[in-house]
Amino acid sequence: MRLAKEARMVAVVMIATMVLWLAAQWLGGRAGWEIRYAFLFDLAALAAFIWAMAVIWRIRQRQKRPEGK
């Protein structure tokens, strides 16, 4: 049950990150923001994806363990 909860959280974070990143890129282009803001959004999205991949790796490691450990 705990693994499923964590997996759902990772999925929500990944989807939200992608939607927010796309919205920030579109809005920045329309509003004429400086390029440094685009890089800031890129780095924030990258950090979220790295976190999600780390959590996925941890979930996979827990699944490989025998029951009772």
C-alpha atoms as a PDB file:
ATOM      1  CA  MET A   1       0.000   0.000   0.000  1.00  0.00           C
ATOM      2  CA  ARG A   2       2.829   2.366   0.895  1.00  0.00           C
ATOM      3  CA  LEU A   3       4.620   1.719  -2.396  1.00  0.00           C
ATOM      4  CA  ALA A   4       1.463   2.447  -4.357  1.00  0.00           C
ATOM      5  CA  LYS A   5       1.007   5.731  -2.495  1.00  0.00           C
ATOM      6  CA  GLU A   6       4.585   6.765  -3.260  1.00  0.00           C
ATOM      7  CA  ALA A   7       4.192   5.765  -6.902  1.00  0.00           C
ATOM      8  CA  ARG A   8       1.044   7.890  -7.220  1.00  0.00           C
ATOM      9  CA  MET A   9       2.865  10.830  -5.642  1.00  0.00           C
ATOM     10  CA  VAL A  10       5.721  10.463  -8.134  1.00  0.00           C
ATOM     11  CA  ALA A  11       3.256  10.360 -11.015  1.00  0.00           C
ATOM     12  CA  VAL A  12       1.512  13.520  -9.803  1.00  0.00           C
ATOM     13  CA  VAL A  13       4.833  15.331  -9.352  1.00  0.00           C
ATOM     14  CA  MET A  14       6.005  14.348 -12.839  1.00  0.00           C
ATOM     15  CA  ILE A  15       2.762  15.417 -14.504  1.00  0.00           C
ATOM     16  CA  ALA A  16       2.567  18.677 -12.549  1.00  0.00           C
ATOM     17  CA  THR A  17       6.198  19.445 -13.326  1.00  0.00           C
ATOM     18  CA  MET A  18       5.681  18.919 -17.031  1.00  0.00           C
ATOM     19  CA  VAL A  19       2.508  21.018 -17.148  1.00  0.00           C
ATOM     20  CA  LEU A  20       4.028  23.851 -15.109  1.00  0.00           C
ATOM     21  CA  TRP A  21       7.244  23.784 -17.138  1.00  0.00           C
ATOM     22  CA  LEU A  22       5.340  23.956 -20.434  1.00  0.00           C
ATOM     23  CA  ALA A  23       3.129  26.757 -19.098  1.00  0.00           C
ATOM     24  CA  ALA A  24       6.155  28.733 -17.882  1.00  0.00           C
ATOM     25  CA  GLN A  25       7.902  28.329 -21.249  1.00  0.00           C
ATOM     26  CA  TRP A  26       4.812  29.432 -23.151  1.00  0.00           C
ATOM     27  CA  LEU A  27       4.092  32.342 -20.818  1.00  0.00           C
ATOM     28  CA  GLY A  28       7.715  33.457 -20.861  1.00  0.00           C
ATOM     29  CA  GLY A  29       7.720  33.502 -24.643  1.00  0.00           C
ATOM     30  CA  ARG A  30       4.482  35.456 -24.807  1.00  0.00           C
ATOM     31  CA  ALA A  31       5.468  37.953 -22.110  1.00  0.00           C
ATOM     32  CA  GLY A  32       9.020  38.391 -23.378  1.00  0.00           C
ATOM     33  CA  TRP A  33      10.752  37.340 -20.170  1.00  0.00           C
ATOM     34  CA  GLU A  34      14.531  37.258 -20.085  1.00  0.00           C
ATOM     35  CA  ILE A  35      16.209  33.989 -21.037  1.00  0.00           C
ATOM     36  CA  ARG A  36      17.560  33.517 -17.511  1.00  0.00           C
ATOM     37  CA  TYR A  37      14.018  32.844 -16.306  1.00  0.00           C
ATOM     38  CA  ALA A  38      13.663  30.071 -18.870  1.00  0.00           C
ATOM     39  CA  PHE A  39      16.849  28.494 -17.511  1.00  0.00           C
ATOM     40  CA  LEU A  40      15.496  28.848 -13.972  1.00  0.00           C
ATOM     41  CA  PHE A  41      12.335  26.960 -14.923  1.00  0.00           C
ATOM     42  CA  ASP A  42      14.438  24.355 -16.748  1.00  0.00           C
ATOM     43  CA  LEU A  43      16.577  23.767 -13.662  1.00  0.00           C
ATOM     44  CA  ALA A  44      13.536  23.537 -11.387  1.00  0.00           C
ATOM     45  CA  ALA A  45      11.932  20.971 -13.716  1.00  0.00           C
ATOM     46  CA  LEU A  46      15.181  19.033 -13.910  1.00  0.00           C
ATOM     47  CA  ALA A  47      15.418  18.938 -10.111  1.00  0.00           C
ATOM     48  CA  ALA A  48      11.843  17.643  -9.856  1.00  0.00           C
ATOM     49  CA  PHE A  49      12.529  14.908 -12.418  1.00  0.00           C
ATOM     50  CA  ILE A  50      15.750  13.873 -10.676  1.00  0.00           C
ATOM     51  CA  TRP A  51      13.851  13.645  -7.385  1.00  0.00           C
ATOM     52  CA  ALA A  52      11.143  11.560  -9.062  1.00  0.00           C
ATOM     53  CA  MET A  53      13.719   9.193 -10.566  1.00  0.00           C
ATOM     54  CA  ALA A  54      15.380   8.779  -7.155  1.00  0.00           C
ATOM     55  CA  VAL A  55      12.040   7.894  -5.563  1.00  0.00           C
ATOM     56  CA  ILE A  56      11.249   5.457  -8.374  1.00  0.00           C
ATOM     57  CA  TRP A  57      14.643   3.784  -7.861  1.00  0.00           C
ATOM     58  CA  ARG A  58      13.925   3.500  -4.121  1.00  0.00           C
ATOM     59  CA  ILE A  59      10.499   1.960  -4.826  1.00  0.00           C
ATOM     60  CA  ARG A  60      12.063  -0.588  -7.196  1.00  0.00           C
ATOM     61  CA  GLN A  61      14.670  -1.513  -4.581  1.00  0.00           C
ATOM     62  CA  ARG A  62      11.957  -2.101  -1.989  1.00  0.00           C
ATOM     63  CA  GLN A  63      10.031  -4.305  -4.421  1.00  0.00           C
ATOM     64  CA  LYS A  64      13.079  -6.523  -4.973  1.00  0.00           C
ATOM     65  CA  ARG A  65      13.479  -7.225  -1.246  1.00  0.00           C
ATOM     66  CA  PRO A  66      12.037 -10.468   0.088  1.00  0.00           C
ATOM     67  CA  GLU A  67       8.930 -10.173   2.239  1.00  0.00           C
ATOM     68  CA  GLY A  68       9.663  -9.647   5.920  1.00  0.00           C
ATOM     69  CA  LYS A  69      12.821  -7.585   5.460  1.00  0.00           C
END
